[in-house]
Amino acid sequence: MFKPEKLLGSLLGGSSRRSGANALTSQLGMGILGVAIAAADHYMNKSSSQASPAQGGYVGSVPPAAPGAAAPPPPPPPPQGGAAVASPISPPVGAVAGTPAQNDAVLLIRAMIAAANADGAIDQEERQRILDKFRDADLSPEEHAFLVNELFSPASLDGIVSQVSSEALARQVYGVSLLAVTVDTDAERAYLQSLGQRLGLSPADRDPMHKALGIENL
């Protein structure tokens, strides 16, 4: 079964990210971030209480490219002569349409992975490191497949922004994107600045989040 709140909570569950996520929930209200953290705690506690890790959920790894095989092709370039067409954020293959909260969680997961791709590449080691965060999360095969697909084909900035339906969700998308990166490269700064502007967030909206996370020069 596909449970996006659990996945989002697991992404936010590292010690450094957890403290940052808690700071953001103070800024933004509990919303889906608080729900996600609670969901991750529930499933991780459930998983750790099982007798053997081998009886837990599916974790797996990112399938490596076969020797001599080409890497997975990148997403197609935008159409020439105009703005890129935003790709709709749809539920994972095989998943039924979720509740609004579940759809928001999917969007926030995709926003985090897109931010991690700000420099234009998520390599094999980075993909595996992200998947390793879910080792205690009791992933279902559907959840694992969703993550692998997103890591190989991150959503575009246009695709993320086009799915934001409220100012509250815009703040959460920006907030989790801040949590996804260390903000120490020009590419990351440029991506986050563009994201904030495209989401319609003013400097007055963004600066408290930067302060809560200890981010400067953004």
N, C-alpha and C. Protein backbone atom coordinates (compact mmCIF):
# COMPACT_ATOMS: atom_id res chain seq x y z
N MET A 1 0.85 -1.19 0.00
CA MET A 1 0.00 0.00 0.00
C MET A 1 0.88 1.24 0.00
N PHE A 2 0.45 2.26 -0.71
CA PHE A 2 1.23 3.48 -0.86
C PHE A 2 0.79 4.50 0.20
N LYS A 3 1.72 4.87 1.09
CA LYS A 3 1.42 5.81 2.18
C LYS A 3 2.41 6.98 2.10
N PRO A 4 2.05 8.03 1.37
CA PRO A 4 3.01 9.12 1.16
C PRO A 4 3.37 9.88 2.43
N GLU A 5 2.45 9.95 3.41
CA GLU A 5 2.79 10.66 4.65
C GLU A 5 3.96 9.97 5.35
N LYS A 6 3.98 8.63 5.30
CA LYS A 6 5.08 7.88 5.90
C LYS A 6 6.39 8.18 5.18
N LEU A 7 6.35 8.21 3.85
CA LEU A 7 7.56 8.50 3.08
C LEU A 7 8.08 9.89 3.39
N LEU A 8 7.19 10.87 3.42
CA LEU A 8 7.60 12.23 3.70
C LEU A 8 8.20 12.33 5.09
N GLY A 9 7.55 11.72 6.06
CA GLY A 9 8.08 11.74 7.42
C GLY A 9 9.45 11.10 7.51
N SER A 10 9.68 10.04 6.74
CA SER A 10 10.98 9.39 6.75
C SER A 10 12.06 10.29 6.15
N LEU A 11 11.71 11.02 5.09
CA LEU A 11 12.66 11.96 4.50
C LEU A 11 13.03 13.06 5.50
N LEU A 12 12.07 13.42 6.33
CA LEU A 12 12.31 14.46 7.33
C LEU A 12 12.89 13.90 8.62
N GLY A 13 13.12 12.59 8.67
CA GLY A 13 13.39 11.93 9.93
C GLY A 13 14.82 11.91 10.39
N GLY A 14 15.79 12.31 9.56
CA GLY A 14 17.17 12.36 10.03
C GLY A 14 17.32 13.36 11.16
N SER A 15 18.34 13.20 11.98
CA SER A 15 18.47 14.04 13.17
C SER A 15 18.54 15.51 12.83
N SER A 16 19.33 15.88 11.81
CA SER A 16 19.44 17.29 11.46
C SER A 16 18.17 17.78 10.80
N ARG A 17 17.60 16.95 9.92
CA ARG A 17 16.37 17.37 9.25
C ARG A 17 15.21 17.41 10.24
N ARG A 18 15.19 16.48 11.20
CA ARG A 18 14.10 16.46 12.17
C ARG A 18 14.05 17.77 12.95
N SER A 19 15.20 18.26 13.42
CA SER A 19 15.20 19.51 14.16
C SER A 19 14.76 20.65 13.26
N GLY A 20 15.19 20.61 11.99
CA GLY A 20 14.75 21.64 11.06
C GLY A 20 13.28 21.56 10.77
N ALA A 21 12.77 20.33 10.61
CA ALA A 21 11.34 20.15 10.35
C ALA A 21 10.52 20.63 11.53
N ASN A 22 11.00 20.36 12.75
CA ASN A 22 10.28 20.84 13.93
C ASN A 22 10.26 22.36 13.97
N ALA A 23 11.38 22.98 13.58
CA ALA A 23 11.42 24.44 13.53
C ALA A 23 10.43 24.97 12.51
N LEU A 24 10.33 24.28 11.37
CA LEU A 24 9.41 24.73 10.34
C LEU A 24 7.96 24.55 10.75
N THR A 25 7.64 23.48 11.46
CA THR A 25 6.25 23.32 11.89
C THR A 25 5.86 24.43 12.84
N SER A 26 6.82 24.97 13.58
CA SER A 26 6.52 26.12 14.43
C SER A 26 6.22 27.35 13.58
N GLN A 27 6.93 27.47 12.45
CA GLN A 27 6.72 28.61 11.56
C GLN A 27 5.44 28.47 10.75
N LEU A 28 5.15 27.24 10.29
CA LEU A 28 4.09 27.03 9.31
C LEU A 28 2.83 26.43 9.91
N GLY A 29 2.87 26.01 11.17
CA GLY A 29 1.77 25.24 11.71
C GLY A 29 2.01 23.77 11.41
N MET A 30 1.31 22.89 12.08
CA MET A 30 1.57 21.46 11.92
C MET A 30 1.32 21.00 10.49
N GLY A 31 0.10 21.16 9.99
CA GLY A 31 -0.19 20.79 8.62
C GLY A 31 0.30 19.40 8.27
N ILE A 32 0.63 19.21 7.00
CA ILE A 32 1.05 17.90 6.53
C ILE A 32 2.43 17.53 7.07
N LEU A 33 3.27 18.52 7.41
CA LEU A 33 4.59 18.21 7.95
C LEU A 33 4.47 17.48 9.28
N GLY A 34 3.61 17.99 10.16
CA GLY A 34 3.42 17.33 11.44
C GLY A 34 2.81 15.96 11.29
N VAL A 35 1.83 15.84 10.38
CA VAL A 35 1.21 14.54 10.11
C VAL A 35 2.25 13.56 9.60
N ALA A 36 3.12 14.02 8.71
CA ALA A 36 4.14 13.14 8.12
C ALA A 36 5.12 12.65 9.17
N ILE A 37 5.57 13.54 10.04
CA ILE A 37 6.51 13.13 11.08
C ILE A 37 5.87 12.11 12.01
N ALA A 38 4.61 12.35 12.38
CA ALA A 38 3.91 11.40 13.25
C ALA A 38 3.74 10.05 12.56
N ALA A 39 3.42 10.07 11.26
CA ALA A 39 3.24 8.82 10.52
C ALA A 39 4.55 8.04 10.45
N ALA A 40 5.65 8.74 10.19
CA ALA A 40 6.94 8.06 10.12
C ALA A 40 7.30 7.44 11.47
N ASP A 41 7.06 8.18 12.54
CA ASP A 41 7.34 7.64 13.88
C ASP A 41 6.53 6.37 14.12
N HIS A 42 5.25 6.40 13.73
CA HIS A 42 4.38 5.25 13.94
C HIS A 42 4.92 4.02 13.22
N TYR A 43 5.26 4.18 11.94
CA TYR A 43 5.69 3.02 11.16
C TYR A 43 7.09 2.56 11.55
N MET A 44 7.96 3.50 11.92
CA MET A 44 9.30 3.09 12.33
C MET A 44 9.26 2.37 13.67
N ASN A 45 8.43 2.85 14.59
CA ASN A 45 8.29 2.15 15.87
C ASN A 45 7.70 0.76 15.67
N LYS A 46 6.72 0.67 14.77
CA LYS A 46 6.11 -0.63 14.47
C LYS A 46 7.14 -1.57 13.88
N SER A 47 7.97 -1.04 12.96
CA SER A 47 8.97 -1.89 12.31
C SER A 47 10.02 -2.36 13.32
N SER A 48 10.46 -1.45 14.21
CA SER A 48 11.51 -1.82 15.16
C SER A 48 11.04 -2.83 16.20
N SER A 49 9.71 -2.94 16.38
CA SER A 49 9.18 -3.89 17.36
C SER A 49 9.06 -5.29 16.80
N GLN A 50 9.27 -5.46 15.49
CA GLN A 50 9.17 -6.78 14.89
C GLN A 50 10.39 -7.61 15.26
N ALA A 51 10.24 -8.91 15.25
CA ALA A 51 11.30 -9.79 15.74
C ALA A 51 12.54 -9.74 14.88
N SER A 52 12.37 -9.70 13.55
CA SER A 52 13.53 -9.78 12.67
C SER A 52 13.40 -8.77 11.57
N PRO A 53 14.51 -8.02 11.24
CA PRO A 53 14.45 -7.08 10.13
C PRO A 53 14.07 -7.76 8.83
N ALA A 54 14.39 -9.03 8.69
CA ALA A 54 14.08 -9.72 7.43
C ALA A 54 12.59 -9.85 7.21
N GLN A 55 11.79 -9.71 8.31
CA GLN A 55 10.36 -9.83 8.16
C GLN A 55 9.70 -8.49 7.90
N GLY A 56 10.49 -7.43 7.83
CA GLY A 56 9.93 -6.10 7.63
C GLY A 56 9.58 -5.85 6.18
N GLY A 57 9.38 -4.57 5.88
CA GLY A 57 8.95 -4.22 4.54
C GLY A 57 10.11 -4.20 3.57
N TYR A 58 9.80 -3.86 2.37
CA TYR A 58 10.76 -3.87 1.28
C TYR A 58 11.62 -2.62 1.36
N VAL A 59 12.94 -2.78 1.30
CA VAL A 59 13.84 -1.64 1.25
C VAL A 59 14.55 -1.61 -0.09
N GLY A 60 15.32 -2.66 -0.38
CA GLY A 60 15.96 -2.76 -1.69
C GLY A 60 16.97 -1.66 -1.93
N SER A 61 17.39 -1.57 -3.17
CA SER A 61 18.37 -0.56 -3.55
C SER A 61 18.05 -0.09 -4.94
N VAL A 62 18.72 0.99 -5.32
CA VAL A 62 18.55 1.48 -6.68
C VAL A 62 19.22 0.51 -7.63
N PRO A 63 18.51 0.01 -8.64
CA PRO A 63 19.15 -0.94 -9.56
C PRO A 63 20.27 -0.28 -10.33
N PRO A 64 21.51 -0.81 -10.24
CA PRO A 64 22.62 -0.21 -10.97
C PRO A 64 22.51 -0.51 -12.45
N ALA A 65 23.16 0.32 -13.22
CA ALA A 65 23.17 0.08 -14.66
C ALA A 65 24.01 -1.16 -14.95
N ALA A 66 23.61 -1.94 -15.92
CA ALA A 66 24.36 -3.13 -16.30
C ALA A 66 25.70 -2.71 -16.90
N PRO A 67 26.74 -3.55 -16.75
CA PRO A 67 28.05 -3.20 -17.31
C PRO A 67 27.94 -2.88 -18.79
N GLY A 68 28.48 -1.73 -19.16
CA GLY A 68 28.45 -1.33 -20.55
C GLY A 68 27.15 -0.71 -21.00
N ALA A 69 26.15 -0.71 -20.11
CA ALA A 69 24.85 -0.14 -20.50
C ALA A 69 24.85 1.35 -20.23
N ALA A 70 24.07 2.04 -21.00
CA ALA A 70 23.94 3.48 -20.82
C ALA A 70 23.11 3.78 -19.59
N ALA A 71 23.35 4.94 -18.98
CA ALA A 71 22.55 5.35 -17.84
C ALA A 71 21.14 5.64 -18.30
N PRO A 72 20.16 5.63 -17.38
CA PRO A 72 18.78 5.94 -17.77
C PRO A 72 18.71 7.28 -18.46
N PRO A 73 17.95 7.40 -19.54
CA PRO A 73 17.90 8.65 -20.29
C PRO A 73 17.30 9.76 -19.45
N PRO A 74 17.80 11.01 -19.64
CA PRO A 74 17.23 12.13 -18.90
C PRO A 74 15.85 12.47 -19.44
N PRO A 75 15.06 13.26 -18.68
CA PRO A 75 13.76 13.67 -19.19
C PRO A 75 13.93 14.44 -20.49
N PRO A 76 12.95 14.41 -21.38
CA PRO A 76 13.07 15.12 -22.65
C PRO A 76 13.17 16.62 -22.42
N PRO A 77 13.89 17.35 -23.31
CA PRO A 77 14.01 18.80 -23.15
C PRO A 77 12.68 19.48 -23.39
N PRO A 78 12.52 20.72 -22.87
CA PRO A 78 11.28 21.45 -23.11
C PRO A 78 11.12 21.79 -24.57
N PRO A 79 9.88 22.01 -25.03
CA PRO A 79 9.66 22.36 -26.43
C PRO A 79 10.41 23.63 -26.79
N GLN A 80 10.90 23.68 -28.01
CA GLN A 80 11.61 24.85 -28.49
C GLN A 80 10.64 25.98 -28.76
N GLY A 81 11.15 27.21 -28.53
CA GLY A 81 10.36 28.37 -28.91
C GLY A 81 9.32 28.78 -27.90
N GLY A 82 9.35 28.26 -26.71
CA GLY A 82 8.36 28.67 -25.72
C GLY A 82 8.72 28.13 -24.37
N ALA A 83 7.88 28.44 -23.41
CA ALA A 83 8.12 28.00 -22.04
C ALA A 83 7.92 26.50 -21.93
N ALA A 84 8.60 25.91 -20.96
CA ALA A 84 8.44 24.48 -20.73
C ALA A 84 7.03 24.18 -20.29
N VAL A 85 6.53 23.05 -20.73
CA VAL A 85 5.20 22.62 -20.34
C VAL A 85 5.30 21.87 -19.02
N ALA A 86 4.52 22.29 -18.04
CA ALA A 86 4.58 21.65 -16.72
C ALA A 86 4.00 20.25 -16.79
N SER A 87 4.75 19.29 -16.24
CA SER A 87 4.25 17.92 -16.17
C SER A 87 3.35 17.78 -14.96
N PRO A 88 2.17 17.23 -15.13
CA PRO A 88 1.28 17.08 -13.97
C PRO A 88 1.86 16.12 -12.95
N ILE A 89 1.64 16.44 -11.67
CA ILE A 89 2.08 15.56 -10.59
C ILE A 89 0.98 14.56 -10.36
N SER A 90 1.12 13.36 -10.87
CA SER A 90 0.08 12.34 -10.77
C SER A 90 0.47 11.30 -9.73
N PRO A 91 -0.51 10.52 -9.23
CA PRO A 91 -0.18 9.47 -8.27
C PRO A 91 0.73 8.43 -8.90
N PRO A 92 1.49 7.69 -8.10
CA PRO A 92 2.35 6.64 -8.63
C PRO A 92 1.55 5.61 -9.40
N VAL A 93 2.22 4.95 -10.35
CA VAL A 93 1.56 3.90 -11.12
C VAL A 93 1.05 2.83 -10.17
N GLY A 94 -0.20 2.46 -10.32
CA GLY A 94 -0.77 1.41 -9.49
C GLY A 94 -1.42 1.92 -8.23
N ALA A 95 -1.27 3.22 -7.94
CA ALA A 95 -1.86 3.77 -6.73
C ALA A 95 -3.20 4.42 -7.06
N VAL A 96 -4.12 4.33 -6.15
CA VAL A 96 -5.40 4.99 -6.34
C VAL A 96 -5.25 6.44 -5.95
N ALA A 97 -6.17 7.28 -6.45
CA ALA A 97 -6.14 8.69 -6.10
C ALA A 97 -6.27 8.84 -4.60
N GLY A 98 -5.43 9.68 -4.01
CA GLY A 98 -5.42 9.82 -2.57
C GLY A 98 -6.28 10.97 -2.10
N THR A 99 -6.27 11.17 -0.80
CA THR A 99 -6.94 12.32 -0.21
C THR A 99 -6.12 13.56 -0.52
N PRO A 100 -6.69 14.76 -0.32
CA PRO A 100 -5.90 15.97 -0.53
C PRO A 100 -4.61 15.97 0.29
N ALA A 101 -4.67 15.50 1.53
CA ALA A 101 -3.46 15.47 2.36
C ALA A 101 -2.41 14.52 1.78
N GLN A 102 -2.85 13.38 1.25
CA GLN A 102 -1.90 12.44 0.65
C GLN A 102 -1.30 13.02 -0.63
N ASN A 103 -2.12 13.70 -1.42
CA ASN A 103 -1.61 14.32 -2.64
C ASN A 103 -0.60 15.42 -2.30
N ASP A 104 -0.87 16.17 -1.23
CA ASP A 104 0.08 17.18 -0.79
C ASP A 104 1.39 16.53 -0.36
N ALA A 105 1.31 15.40 0.33
CA ALA A 105 2.52 14.70 0.77
C ALA A 105 3.35 14.24 -0.43
N VAL A 106 2.68 13.72 -1.47
CA VAL A 106 3.39 13.33 -2.69
C VAL A 106 4.11 14.54 -3.29
N LEU A 107 3.42 15.67 -3.34
CA LEU A 107 4.03 16.88 -3.89
C LEU A 107 5.25 17.30 -3.08
N LEU A 108 5.16 17.23 -1.76
CA LEU A 108 6.28 17.65 -0.92
C LEU A 108 7.48 16.70 -1.07
N ILE A 109 7.21 15.41 -1.23
CA ILE A 109 8.30 14.47 -1.50
C ILE A 109 8.99 14.83 -2.81
N ARG A 110 8.18 15.10 -3.82
CA ARG A 110 8.75 15.44 -5.13
C ARG A 110 9.50 16.77 -5.07
N ALA A 111 9.01 17.70 -4.26
CA ALA A 111 9.70 18.98 -4.11
C ALA A 111 11.08 18.78 -3.47
N MET A 112 11.16 17.90 -2.48
CA MET A 112 12.45 17.63 -1.83
C MET A 112 13.43 16.99 -2.80
N ILE A 113 12.97 16.02 -3.58
CA ILE A 113 13.86 15.35 -4.52
C ILE A 113 14.27 16.30 -5.64
N ALA A 114 13.34 17.15 -6.09
CA ALA A 114 13.68 18.14 -7.12
C ALA A 114 14.73 19.11 -6.61
N ALA A 115 14.63 19.53 -5.35
CA ALA A 115 15.63 20.44 -4.79
C ALA A 115 16.99 19.75 -4.69
N ALA A 116 16.99 18.47 -4.33
CA ALA A 116 18.25 17.72 -4.28
C ALA A 116 18.89 17.61 -5.65
N ASN A 117 18.08 17.77 -6.69
CA ASN A 117 18.55 17.71 -8.07
C ASN A 117 18.88 19.10 -8.61
N ALA A 118 19.00 20.09 -7.73
CA ALA A 118 19.20 21.47 -8.17
C ALA A 118 20.45 21.65 -9.01
N ASP A 119 21.48 20.83 -8.76
CA ASP A 119 22.71 20.94 -9.54
C ASP A 119 22.65 20.15 -10.84
N GLY A 120 21.48 19.54 -11.11
CA GLY A 120 21.28 18.87 -12.39
C GLY A 120 21.54 17.39 -12.39
N ALA A 121 21.91 16.81 -11.23
CA ALA A 121 22.20 15.37 -11.22
C ALA A 121 22.07 14.81 -9.81
N ILE A 122 21.43 13.64 -9.72
CA ILE A 122 21.46 12.84 -8.49
C ILE A 122 22.15 11.54 -8.87
N ASP A 123 23.39 11.36 -8.39
CA ASP A 123 24.14 10.19 -8.84
C ASP A 123 23.74 8.93 -8.07
N GLN A 124 24.33 7.80 -8.47
CA GLN A 124 23.97 6.51 -7.88
C GLN A 124 24.17 6.50 -6.37
N GLU A 125 25.28 7.08 -5.91
CA GLU A 125 25.56 7.09 -4.47
C GLU A 125 24.52 7.92 -3.72
N GLU A 126 24.15 9.07 -4.29
CA GLU A 126 23.14 9.91 -3.64
C GLU A 126 21.78 9.22 -3.61
N ARG A 127 21.44 8.52 -4.69
CA ARG A 127 20.17 7.80 -4.70
C ARG A 127 20.13 6.74 -3.60
N GLN A 128 21.22 5.97 -3.50
CA GLN A 128 21.25 4.92 -2.50
C GLN A 128 21.23 5.50 -1.09
N ARG A 129 21.90 6.64 -0.90
CA ARG A 129 21.91 7.27 0.43
C ARG A 129 20.50 7.71 0.83
N ILE A 130 19.74 8.23 -0.13
CA ILE A 130 18.36 8.61 0.16
C ILE A 130 17.53 7.39 0.50
N LEU A 131 17.68 6.32 -0.29
CA LEU A 131 16.92 5.10 0.00
C LEU A 131 17.29 4.51 1.36
N ASP A 132 18.56 4.66 1.75
CA ASP A 132 18.99 4.11 3.04
C ASP A 132 18.27 4.77 4.21
N LYS A 133 17.78 5.99 4.01
CA LYS A 133 17.04 6.67 5.07
C LYS A 133 15.75 5.93 5.41
N PHE A 134 15.29 5.08 4.48
CA PHE A 134 14.02 4.39 4.66
C PHE A 134 14.19 2.96 5.17
N ARG A 135 15.39 2.62 5.60
CA ARG A 135 15.65 1.22 5.98
C ARG A 135 14.77 0.77 7.15
N ASP A 136 14.40 1.70 8.02
CA ASP A 136 13.56 1.35 9.17
C ASP A 136 12.09 1.73 8.95
N ALA A 137 11.73 2.11 7.73
CA ALA A 137 10.39 2.65 7.50
C ALA A 137 9.40 1.61 6.99
N ASP A 138 9.83 0.35 6.83
CA ASP A 138 8.90 -0.71 6.42
C ASP A 138 8.22 -0.37 5.10
N LEU A 139 9.04 -0.06 4.08
CA LEU A 139 8.49 0.33 2.79
C LEU A 139 7.77 -0.81 2.10
N SER A 140 6.68 -0.49 1.45
CA SER A 140 6.02 -1.45 0.57
C SER A 140 6.72 -1.42 -0.79
N PRO A 141 6.53 -2.45 -1.62
CA PRO A 141 7.12 -2.41 -2.97
C PRO A 141 6.66 -1.20 -3.76
N GLU A 142 5.39 -0.77 -3.58
CA GLU A 142 4.89 0.40 -4.31
C GLU A 142 5.63 1.66 -3.89
N GLU A 143 5.89 1.79 -2.59
CA GLU A 143 6.58 2.98 -2.10
C GLU A 143 8.03 3.00 -2.58
N HIS A 144 8.67 1.83 -2.56
CA HIS A 144 10.05 1.75 -3.05
C HIS A 144 10.11 2.10 -4.54
N ALA A 145 9.18 1.57 -5.33
CA ALA A 145 9.16 1.84 -6.77
C ALA A 145 8.94 3.32 -7.04
N PHE A 146 8.05 3.94 -6.26
CA PHE A 146 7.80 5.38 -6.41
C PHE A 146 9.07 6.18 -6.17
N LEU A 147 9.79 5.86 -5.11
CA LEU A 147 11.01 6.60 -4.79
C LEU A 147 12.07 6.43 -5.87
N VAL A 148 12.27 5.20 -6.33
CA VAL A 148 13.26 4.96 -7.37
C VAL A 148 12.91 5.75 -8.63
N ASN A 149 11.63 5.75 -9.01
CA ASN A 149 11.20 6.50 -10.18
C ASN A 149 11.47 7.99 -10.02
N GLU A 150 11.18 8.53 -8.85
CA GLU A 150 11.40 9.96 -8.62
C GLU A 150 12.89 10.30 -8.62
N LEU A 151 13.72 9.41 -8.08
CA LEU A 151 15.15 9.67 -8.04
C LEU A 151 15.77 9.65 -9.43
N PHE A 152 15.25 8.82 -10.32
CA PHE A 152 15.75 8.79 -11.69
C PHE A 152 15.15 9.89 -12.55
N SER A 153 13.94 10.35 -12.22
CA SER A 153 13.26 11.37 -13.03
C SER A 153 12.63 12.42 -12.12
N PRO A 154 13.45 13.28 -11.51
CA PRO A 154 12.89 14.29 -10.61
C PRO A 154 11.94 15.23 -11.34
N ALA A 155 10.94 15.70 -10.62
CA ALA A 155 9.98 16.65 -11.19
C ALA A 155 10.68 17.96 -11.51
N SER A 156 10.18 18.66 -12.52
CA SER A 156 10.72 19.97 -12.87
C SER A 156 10.17 21.03 -11.93
N LEU A 157 10.83 22.18 -11.91
CA LEU A 157 10.32 23.30 -11.11
C LEU A 157 8.93 23.68 -11.58
N ASP A 158 8.73 23.72 -12.91
CA ASP A 158 7.39 24.03 -13.44
C ASP A 158 6.37 23.02 -12.95
N GLY A 159 6.74 21.74 -12.96
CA GLY A 159 5.81 20.70 -12.52
C GLY A 159 5.45 20.83 -11.06
N ILE A 160 6.41 21.23 -10.23
CA ILE A 160 6.14 21.43 -8.80
C ILE A 160 5.21 22.62 -8.61
N VAL A 161 5.59 23.75 -9.17
CA VAL A 161 4.84 24.99 -8.94
C VAL A 161 3.40 24.88 -9.44
N SER A 162 3.21 24.19 -10.56
CA SER A 162 1.87 24.11 -11.15
C SER A 162 0.88 23.36 -10.27
N GLN A 163 1.37 22.58 -9.31
CA GLN A 163 0.49 21.79 -8.46
C GLN A 163 0.20 22.45 -7.11
N VAL A 164 0.75 23.62 -6.88
CA VAL A 164 0.55 24.31 -5.60
C VAL A 164 -0.74 25.11 -5.66
N SER A 165 -1.66 24.80 -4.77
CA SER A 165 -3.02 25.35 -4.84
C SER A 165 -3.34 26.36 -3.76
N SER A 166 -2.40 26.63 -2.86
CA SER A 166 -2.69 27.58 -1.78
C SER A 166 -1.39 28.17 -1.27
N GLU A 167 -1.50 29.31 -0.58
CA GLU A 167 -0.31 29.92 0.01
C GLU A 167 0.30 29.03 1.08
N ALA A 168 -0.56 28.36 1.85
CA ALA A 168 -0.05 27.48 2.90
C ALA A 168 0.79 26.35 2.30
N LEU A 169 0.31 25.76 1.20
CA LEU A 169 1.06 24.69 0.55
C LEU A 169 2.33 25.23 -0.08
N ALA A 170 2.27 26.46 -0.61
CA ALA A 170 3.47 27.08 -1.18
C ALA A 170 4.56 27.21 -0.12
N ARG A 171 4.17 27.62 1.08
CA ARG A 171 5.14 27.74 2.16
C ARG A 171 5.75 26.38 2.52
N GLN A 172 4.92 25.34 2.52
CA GLN A 172 5.42 24.01 2.86
C GLN A 172 6.35 23.48 1.77
N VAL A 173 5.99 23.71 0.50
CA VAL A 173 6.86 23.28 -0.60
C VAL A 173 8.22 23.96 -0.48
N TYR A 174 8.21 25.25 -0.21
CA TYR A 174 9.49 25.97 -0.07
C TYR A 174 10.25 25.47 1.15
N GLY A 175 9.53 25.26 2.25
CA GLY A 175 10.19 24.81 3.48
C GLY A 175 10.87 23.47 3.33
N VAL A 176 10.18 22.48 2.75
CA VAL A 176 10.81 21.16 2.62
C VAL A 176 11.94 21.19 1.60
N SER A 177 11.85 22.09 0.63
CA SER A 177 12.95 22.23 -0.34
C SER A 177 14.20 22.75 0.36
N LEU A 178 14.03 23.66 1.31
CA LEU A 178 15.16 24.12 2.11
C LEU A 178 15.79 22.97 2.89
N LEU A 179 14.93 22.09 3.42
CA LEU A 179 15.43 20.97 4.22
C LEU A 179 16.18 19.94 3.38
N ALA A 180 15.90 19.91 2.08
CA ALA A 180 16.45 18.86 1.22
C ALA A 180 17.90 19.11 0.83
N VAL A 181 18.39 20.34 0.99
CA VAL A 181 19.73 20.68 0.53
C VAL A 181 20.49 21.39 1.65
N THR A 182 21.80 21.50 1.47
CA THR A 182 22.62 22.21 2.45
C THR A 182 22.78 23.68 2.10
N VAL A 183 22.31 24.08 0.92
CA VAL A 183 22.37 25.48 0.44
C VAL A 183 23.81 25.99 0.51
N ASP A 184 24.71 25.28 -0.15
CA ASP A 184 26.10 25.70 -0.16
C ASP A 184 26.68 25.78 -1.56
N THR A 185 25.81 25.78 -2.57
CA THR A 185 26.28 25.96 -3.94
C THR A 185 25.43 27.02 -4.63
N ASP A 186 26.00 27.62 -5.67
CA ASP A 186 25.26 28.63 -6.43
C ASP A 186 24.02 28.03 -7.08
N ALA A 187 24.14 26.78 -7.54
CA ALA A 187 23.00 26.13 -8.20
C ALA A 187 21.84 25.97 -7.22
N GLU A 188 22.14 25.59 -5.99
CA GLU A 188 21.08 25.42 -4.99
C GLU A 188 20.45 26.76 -4.63
N ARG A 189 21.27 27.79 -4.47
CA ARG A 189 20.73 29.11 -4.16
C ARG A 189 19.84 29.61 -5.29
N ALA A 190 20.31 29.45 -6.53
CA ALA A 190 19.53 29.91 -7.67
C ALA A 190 18.20 29.17 -7.76
N TYR A 191 18.24 27.86 -7.53
CA TYR A 191 17.00 27.06 -7.59
C TYR A 191 16.02 27.53 -6.52
N LEU A 192 16.48 27.70 -5.30
CA LEU A 192 15.59 28.08 -4.20
C LEU A 192 15.06 29.49 -4.38
N GLN A 193 15.90 30.39 -4.89
CA GLN A 193 15.41 31.75 -5.14
C GLN A 193 14.33 31.74 -6.21
N SER A 194 14.57 30.98 -7.27
CA SER A 194 13.57 30.88 -8.34
C SER A 194 12.30 30.22 -7.83
N LEU A 195 12.44 29.17 -7.03
CA LEU A 195 11.27 28.48 -6.48
C LEU A 195 10.44 29.43 -5.62
N GLY A 196 11.09 30.15 -4.72
CA GLY A 196 10.37 31.07 -3.86
C GLY A 196 9.61 32.13 -4.64
N GLN A 197 10.27 32.67 -5.67
CA GLN A 197 9.61 33.69 -6.49
C GLN A 197 8.44 33.10 -7.27
N ARG A 198 8.64 31.92 -7.85
CA ARG A 198 7.58 31.29 -8.63
C ARG A 198 6.38 30.90 -7.76
N LEU A 199 6.65 30.61 -6.48
CA LEU A 199 5.56 30.27 -5.56
C LEU A 199 4.84 31.50 -5.05
N GLY A 200 5.34 32.69 -5.39
CA GLY A 200 4.70 33.92 -4.95
C GLY A 200 5.01 34.29 -3.51
N LEU A 201 6.12 33.78 -2.99
CA LEU A 201 6.50 34.08 -1.61
C LEU A 201 7.44 35.27 -1.59
N SER A 202 7.11 36.26 -0.78
CA SER A 202 7.93 37.46 -0.67
C SER A 202 9.13 37.19 0.24
N PRO A 203 10.14 38.07 0.22
CA PRO A 203 11.23 37.92 1.18
C PRO A 203 10.74 37.86 2.62
N ALA A 204 9.69 38.61 2.93
CA ALA A 204 9.13 38.58 4.29
C ALA A 204 8.54 37.21 4.62
N ASP A 205 8.06 36.50 3.60
CA ASP A 205 7.54 35.14 3.81
C ASP A 205 8.68 34.14 4.02
N ARG A 206 9.77 34.34 3.26
CA ARG A 206 10.84 33.35 3.25
C ARG A 206 11.86 33.52 4.37
N ASP A 207 12.12 34.78 4.74
CA ASP A 207 13.19 35.04 5.71
C ASP A 207 12.99 34.33 7.05
N PRO A 208 11.76 34.28 7.61
CA PRO A 208 11.61 33.54 8.88
C PRO A 208 11.97 32.06 8.75
N MET A 209 11.71 31.46 7.59
CA MET A 209 12.09 30.06 7.38
C MET A 209 13.60 29.93 7.31
N HIS A 210 14.25 30.87 6.61
CA HIS A 210 15.71 30.85 6.55
C HIS A 210 16.30 30.95 7.96
N LYS A 211 15.74 31.87 8.75
CA LYS A 211 16.25 32.08 10.11
C LYS A 211 16.05 30.83 10.96
N ALA A 212 14.87 30.21 10.84
CA ALA A 212 14.58 29.01 11.64
C ALA A 212 15.55 27.88 11.34
N LEU A 213 16.04 27.83 10.09
CA LEU A 213 16.94 26.75 9.68
C LEU A 213 18.41 27.17 9.69
N GLY A 214 18.68 28.42 10.08
CA GLY A 214 20.06 28.89 10.14
C GLY A 214 20.68 29.09 8.78
N ILE A 215 19.88 29.45 7.78
CA ILE A 215 20.37 29.64 6.41
C ILE A 215 20.60 31.12 6.17
N GLU A 216 21.78 31.46 5.67
CA GLU A 216 22.13 32.85 5.39
C GLU A 216 22.40 33.02 3.90
N ASN A 217 22.39 34.28 3.47
CA ASN A 217 22.74 34.64 2.10
C ASN A 217 21.86 33.94 1.07
N LEU A 218 20.55 33.94 1.33
CA LEU A 218 19.63 33.35 0.36
C LEU A 218 18.51 34.35 0.08
